Amino acid sequence: GGVDKLKVDQCKIYLRKYGLRLTGKKDVLVGRIKEHL
């Protein structure tokens, strides 16, 4: 979906909002968001 188009800072905003970890490269962050969805 559109998750792959997110910028790193957008990923971090999302992760912070849900109390998820912000560590890792962009593909790690995107994967974490996908698991959360």
Foldseek 3Di string as FASTA:
>chain_A
DCLVVDDLVVLVVVCVVVVHDSDDDSVVSSVVVVVVD
